[in-house]
C-alpha cells in the first residue's frame, strides 16, 4: 500500500546521483530515514531519492519542501539536525544551506564556472571558411531540438551519411521512448540516433550512431543554406547535418537562444584560436 500523501507535511528530496554517492550521501539518507521511523514521523513526512539534483560540486545535497531549502555537503550528523529543525521548529538550519528562496546567490564554496559557448573561426575541410561552435550533445538538448525542428517542420534540409540533402516539407514523428535512441520518421527522412548515455556493453551498431559531437556551423559564404547543426560520433564519423536556410531567421534565433544560450544581439565569437 502506498503512502497516504494527504498526511504529508514535509518532503525531503535526497540526491543519490553519482557525485552524491561518491561522497557517501547514502549514509546520511539512512540516518535520516531511521530517525523518521523511530520518532514516529514517517507518515507525516515523505522522502525521495531524486538521482542528480544538478549541484554535484556541493555533494551530497538535499532539497526540503515546502520552502525550497537546498542543503549542501550533507553528513549523518547534519542530516538529523536538519530533520529536527524542520519538523520540530519549522525552521531551516541556515549554516548548512546552499540556497533558500529570497537569496540572490548560492553559498557554495566549490562553485564551478563553465565557459559560455562561443563561435570560433575555422577552415572546415568539408565546408570551407566558417564559424563553428561546439555545442551540447546530450539528450536533454538534442531531443527538444529535434522536436522543434521536425514536429512542426521548419524550412530545413537533412544531409545524412551518404551526403544526399533532403528538404523537410512535412511533419515528422519524433519518438524517444527507447532507452538510448531517438527515431525521427516521416515522408522525407528516417533518422535513428543514440542520444542517451550508453553502457559499456552496448552493441557496436548502436554505439556507432551515438551522438558525441555536436557543432553549430555558420558559413562565411552566401548560399541558400548557410547555417547548420552537424552531429558526429566519438570517432568523428558524420551522422547527420541539419541545414537551416539563410532567410529562416526564426529558427536561427531559436538555435542561438535555446540551444546555445546566446543572445542573437550579442553573438559570442572567439577570435583567439
Protein backbone atom coordinates (compact mmCIF):
# COMPACT_ATOMS: atom_id res chain seq x y z
CA UNK A 1 0.00 0.00 0.00
CA UNK A 2 1.33 3.41 -0.94
CA UNK A 3 1.83 6.27 1.48
CA UNK A 4 -1.19 8.48 2.19
CA UNK A 5 0.30 11.72 0.92
CA UNK A 6 -2.66 13.73 2.23
CA UNK A 7 -1.00 13.38 5.66
CA UNK A 8 2.43 14.54 4.48
CA UNK A 9 3.59 17.95 5.69
CA UNK A 10 7.25 17.92 4.72
CA UNK A 11 9.11 16.31 1.81
CA UNK A 12 12.83 15.59 1.81
CA UNK A 13 14.42 15.12 -1.62
CA UNK A 14 17.69 13.25 -1.23
CA UNK A 15 20.10 13.35 -4.14
CA UNK A 16 21.64 9.97 -4.88
CA UNK A 17 23.34 10.80 -8.15
CA UNK A 18 26.88 9.72 -8.88
CA UNK A 19 28.68 12.55 -7.10
CA UNK A 20 26.48 12.30 -4.00
CA UNK A 21 27.00 8.55 -3.85
CA UNK A 22 30.75 9.08 -4.14
CA UNK A 23 30.59 11.50 -1.19
CA UNK A 24 28.73 8.86 0.86
CA UNK A 25 25.38 10.64 0.73
CA UNK A 26 23.62 7.31 1.20
CA UNK A 27 24.88 7.16 4.81
CA UNK A 28 23.14 10.47 5.61
CA UNK A 29 19.95 9.21 3.92
CA UNK A 30 19.96 6.06 6.05
CA UNK A 31 20.32 8.08 9.23
CA UNK A 32 17.53 10.42 8.17
CA UNK A 33 15.09 7.63 7.39
CA UNK A 34 15.93 5.75 10.58
CA UNK A 35 15.30 8.91 12.62
CA UNK A 36 11.91 9.46 10.98
CA UNK A 37 10.89 5.85 11.62
CA UNK A 38 11.97 5.81 15.27
CA UNK A 39 10.34 9.17 16.06
CA UNK A 40 7.01 8.17 14.54
CA UNK A 41 7.32 10.82 11.86
CA UNK A 42 7.22 8.54 8.82
CA UNK A 43 3.57 9.15 7.91
CA UNK A 44 3.82 12.94 8.22
CA UNK A 45 6.92 13.15 6.02
CA UNK A 46 7.95 11.85 2.63
CA UNK A 47 11.46 11.02 1.45
CA UNK A 48 12.51 10.69 -2.17
CA UNK A 49 15.78 9.69 -3.80
CA UNK A 50 15.94 12.03 -6.77
CA UNK A 51 19.04 10.98 -8.66
CA UNK A 52 21.01 14.10 -9.67
CA UNK A 53 19.89 17.43 -8.21
CA UNK A 54 22.28 19.30 -10.50
CA UNK A 55 24.68 20.56 -7.82
CA UNK A 56 27.44 17.96 -7.93
CA UNK A 57 30.03 20.43 -6.62
CA UNK A 58 28.09 20.64 -3.32
CA UNK A 59 27.51 16.89 -2.89
CA UNK A 60 25.73 15.41 -1.07
CA UNK A 61 22.68 17.67 -1.46
CA UNK A 62 19.10 17.70 -0.20
CA UNK A 63 16.04 19.76 -1.02
CA UNK A 64 13.37 20.30 1.63
CA UNK A 65 9.81 21.29 0.75
CA UNK A 66 7.84 23.40 1.42
CA UNK A 67 10.16 26.38 1.31
CA UNK A 68 12.59 25.25 -1.39
CA UNK A 69 15.50 24.89 1.01
CA UNK A 70 18.67 23.48 -0.57
CA UNK A 71 21.30 21.87 1.65
CA UNK A 72 24.92 21.11 0.80
CA UNK A 73 27.70 18.77 1.97
CA UNK A 74 25.37 16.53 3.96
CA UNK A 75 26.72 14.27 6.71
CA UNK A 76 24.82 11.94 9.06
CA UNK A 77 25.10 14.46 11.91
CA UNK A 78 23.87 17.30 9.74
CA UNK A 79 21.03 15.12 8.49
CA UNK A 80 19.48 14.58 11.90
CA UNK A 81 19.86 18.22 12.97
CA UNK A 82 18.16 19.34 9.75
CA UNK A 83 15.26 16.97 10.34
CA UNK A 84 14.82 18.16 13.91
CA UNK A 85 14.90 21.81 12.93
CA UNK A 86 12.33 21.48 10.16
CA UNK A 87 9.98 19.10 11.95
CA UNK A 88 10.18 20.47 15.49
CA UNK A 89 10.79 24.18 14.90
CA UNK A 90 9.63 24.65 11.29
CA UNK A 91 12.95 26.36 10.58
CA UNK A 92 15.90 25.59 8.30
CA UNK A 93 19.44 25.18 9.59
CA UNK A 94 20.89 28.28 7.97
CA UNK A 95 24.56 27.37 8.35
CA UNK A 96 24.10 24.23 6.23
CA UNK A 97 22.08 25.88 3.46
CA UNK A 98 23.21 26.19 -0.11
CA UNK A 99 20.19 28.28 -1.06
CA UNK A 100 16.74 29.33 0.08
CA UNK A 101 14.06 31.44 -1.55
CA UNK A 102 14.91 35.12 -1.43
CA UNK A 103 18.66 34.68 -1.58
CA UNK A 104 20.34 36.27 -4.59
CA UNK A 105 23.38 33.98 -4.52
CA UNK A 106 24.43 30.48 -3.50
CA UNK A 107 26.72 29.79 -0.56
CA UNK A 108 28.77 27.17 -2.39
CA UNK A 109 32.46 27.07 -1.56
CA UNK A 110 33.21 24.95 -4.59
CA UNK A 111 31.42 26.75 -7.40
CA UNK A 112 32.41 25.59 -10.86
CA UNK A 113 32.21 28.00 -13.75
CA UNK A 114 31.67 26.84 -17.31
CA UNK A 115 32.86 29.00 -20.15
CA UNK A 116 29.92 30.07 -22.32
CA UNK A 117 29.69 28.62 -25.80
CA UNK A 118 31.27 30.78 -28.47
CA UNK A 119 31.82 30.59 -32.22
CA UNK A 120 35.40 30.14 -33.40
CA UNK A 121 36.60 30.95 -36.93
CA UNK A 122 37.77 27.78 -38.66
CA UNK A 123 38.55 26.40 -42.08
CA UNK A 124 36.40 23.30 -42.18
CA UNK A 125 37.74 20.59 -44.53
CA UNK A 126 34.26 19.95 -45.90
CA UNK A 127 32.61 23.38 -45.72
CA UNK A 128 35.41 25.93 -46.01
CA UNK A 129 35.54 29.18 -44.03
CA UNK A 130 33.03 29.11 -41.18
CA UNK A 131 32.28 29.99 -37.60
CA UNK A 132 31.94 26.81 -35.54
CA UNK A 133 30.52 26.45 -32.02
CA UNK A 134 30.96 23.17 -30.16
CA UNK A 135 27.52 22.67 -28.66
CA UNK A 136 25.57 20.23 -26.47
CA UNK A 137 25.31 16.57 -27.43
CA UNK A 138 23.18 15.28 -24.54
CA UNK A 139 19.61 14.06 -24.91
CA UNK A 140 18.46 16.93 -22.69
CA UNK A 141 19.41 19.27 -25.51
CA UNK A 142 19.05 17.17 -28.66
CA UNK A 143 15.60 15.69 -28.04
CA UNK A 144 13.84 19.08 -27.64
CA UNK A 145 15.84 20.39 -30.58
CA UNK A 146 14.61 17.54 -32.79
CA UNK A 147 11.04 18.16 -31.62
CA UNK A 148 11.34 21.82 -32.54
CA UNK A 149 12.79 21.17 -35.99
CA UNK A 150 10.68 18.22 -37.11
CA UNK A 151 7.30 18.02 -35.40
CA UNK A 152 6.11 21.28 -36.91
CA UNK A 153 8.56 21.33 -39.80
CA UNK A 154 10.92 24.22 -40.21
CA UNK A 155 12.47 25.03 -43.61
CA UNK A 156 15.49 22.82 -43.01
CA UNK A 157 17.31 20.20 -45.03
CA UNK A 158 18.83 16.96 -43.82
CA UNK A 159 22.19 15.67 -45.03
CA UNK A 160 22.87 12.10 -43.99
CA UNK A 161 25.97 9.90 -44.23
CA UNK A 162 25.61 9.40 -47.98
CA UNK A 163 25.75 13.24 -48.40
CA UNK A 164 22.35 13.40 -50.08
CA UNK A 165 20.42 16.51 -48.98
CA UNK A 166 16.67 16.25 -48.45
CA UNK A 167 14.45 19.22 -47.68
CA UNK A 168 11.84 18.75 -44.98
CA UNK A 169 8.36 19.88 -46.03
CA UNK A 170 6.05 17.76 -43.88
CA UNK A 171 5.70 16.96 -40.14
CA UNK A 172 7.80 14.10 -38.80
CA UNK A 173 7.27 11.94 -35.74
CA UNK A 174 9.97 12.26 -33.10
CA UNK A 175 9.95 9.21 -30.83
CA UNK A 176 12.21 8.91 -27.79
CA UNK A 177 10.66 6.02 -25.91
CA UNK A 178 13.69 3.76 -26.40
CA UNK A 179 16.31 3.67 -23.64
CA UNK A 180 19.02 5.12 -25.85
CA UNK A 181 17.80 6.10 -29.30
CA UNK A 182 15.57 8.74 -30.80
CA UNK A 183 13.77 7.87 -34.04
CA UNK A 184 12.59 10.56 -36.48
CA UNK A 185 10.26 9.31 -39.19
CA UNK A 186 8.20 10.94 -41.91
CA UNK A 187 7.77 11.28 -45.66
CA UNK A 188 11.18 12.76 -46.27
CA UNK A 189 13.60 11.08 -43.87
CA UNK A 190 14.13 8.30 -41.36
CA UNK A 191 16.73 9.03 -38.71
CA UNK A 192 17.83 6.86 -35.82
CA UNK A 193 20.38 8.31 -33.42
CA UNK A 194 21.58 7.26 -29.98
CA UNK A 195 21.48 10.33 -27.74
CA UNK A 196 21.40 8.89 -24.19
CA UNK A 197 24.39 7.72 -22.20
CA UNK A 198 25.37 4.21 -23.25
CA UNK A 199 26.54 1.30 -21.09
CA UNK A 200 29.91 -0.23 -21.89
CA UNK A 201 28.37 -3.47 -23.16
CA UNK A 202 26.11 -1.81 -25.75
CA UNK A 203 26.21 -3.22 -29.26
CA UNK A 204 28.68 -1.74 -31.72
CA UNK A 205 25.80 -0.89 -34.06
CA UNK A 206 24.17 1.40 -31.51
CA UNK A 207 27.49 2.84 -30.33
CA UNK A 208 28.30 3.73 -33.94
CA UNK A 209 25.30 6.08 -34.13
CA UNK A 210 25.79 7.64 -30.70
CA UNK A 211 25.97 11.43 -30.99
CA UNK A 212 29.12 12.51 -29.17
CA UNK A 213 29.97 15.70 -31.04
CA UNK A 214 27.53 18.47 -31.91
CA UNK A 215 28.56 21.60 -33.78
CA UNK A 216 26.63 24.67 -34.83
CA UNK A 217 28.14 25.98 -38.06
CA UNK A 218 27.77 29.39 -39.69
CA UNK A 219 29.22 29.52 -43.17
CA UNK A 220 31.08 32.58 -44.38
CA UNK A 221 29.87 32.15 -47.96
CA UNK A 222 26.34 33.10 -49.01
CA UNK A 223 24.12 30.28 -50.23
CA UNK A 224 20.54 29.13 -49.70
CA UNK A 225 21.59 27.13 -46.63
CA UNK A 226 24.27 28.93 -44.60
CA UNK A 227 23.82 27.60 -41.09
CA UNK A 228 23.84 24.04 -39.81
CA UNK A 229 23.94 21.65 -36.89
CA UNK A 230 26.38 18.82 -37.55
CA UNK A 231 26.37 15.66 -35.45
CA UNK A 232 29.19 13.09 -35.27
CA UNK A 233 30.02 10.02 -33.23
CA UNK A 234 33.05 9.83 -30.95
CA UNK A 235 35.22 8.55 -33.80
CA UNK A 236 34.41 11.63 -35.85
CA UNK A 237 32.08 9.83 -38.23
CA UNK A 238 29.44 12.10 -39.74
CA UNK A 239 25.95 11.09 -38.66
CA UNK A 240 23.73 13.90 -39.90
CA UNK A 241 23.79 17.60 -40.69
CA UNK A 242 20.67 19.72 -40.28
CA UNK A 243 20.82 22.71 -42.62
CA UNK A 244 19.00 25.99 -41.93
CA UNK A 245 18.00 28.38 -44.68
CA UNK A 246 19.72 31.75 -44.78
CA UNK A 247 16.36 33.56 -44.66
CA UNK A 248 14.99 31.50 -41.78
CA UNK A 249 15.69 33.99 -39.01
CA UNK A 250 13.18 32.44 -36.61
CA UNK A 251 14.87 29.03 -36.49
CA UNK A 252 18.31 30.57 -36.26
CA UNK A 253 17.25 32.71 -33.29
CA UNK A 254 15.86 29.61 -31.59
CA UNK A 255 19.16 27.77 -32.07
CA UNK A 256 21.09 30.69 -30.62
CA UNK A 257 18.87 31.41 -27.63
CA UNK A 258 17.57 27.98 -26.61
CA UNK A 259 20.30 25.60 -27.77
CA UNK A 260 23.40 27.78 -27.32
CA UNK A 261 22.13 30.14 -24.58
CA UNK A 262 23.35 33.07 -26.64
CA UNK A 263 21.66 36.37 -27.40
CA UNK A 264 21.08 36.96 -31.15
CA UNK A 265 22.07 40.57 -30.46
CA UNK A 266 25.33 39.59 -28.77
CA UNK A 267 26.76 36.59 -30.60
CA UNK A 268 29.94 35.43 -28.93
CA UNK A 269 32.90 34.95 -31.27
CA UNK A 270 36.26 33.77 -30.04
CA UNK A 271 38.95 35.24 -32.28
CA UNK A 272 41.80 33.80 -30.21
CA UNK A 273 42.42 30.44 -31.83
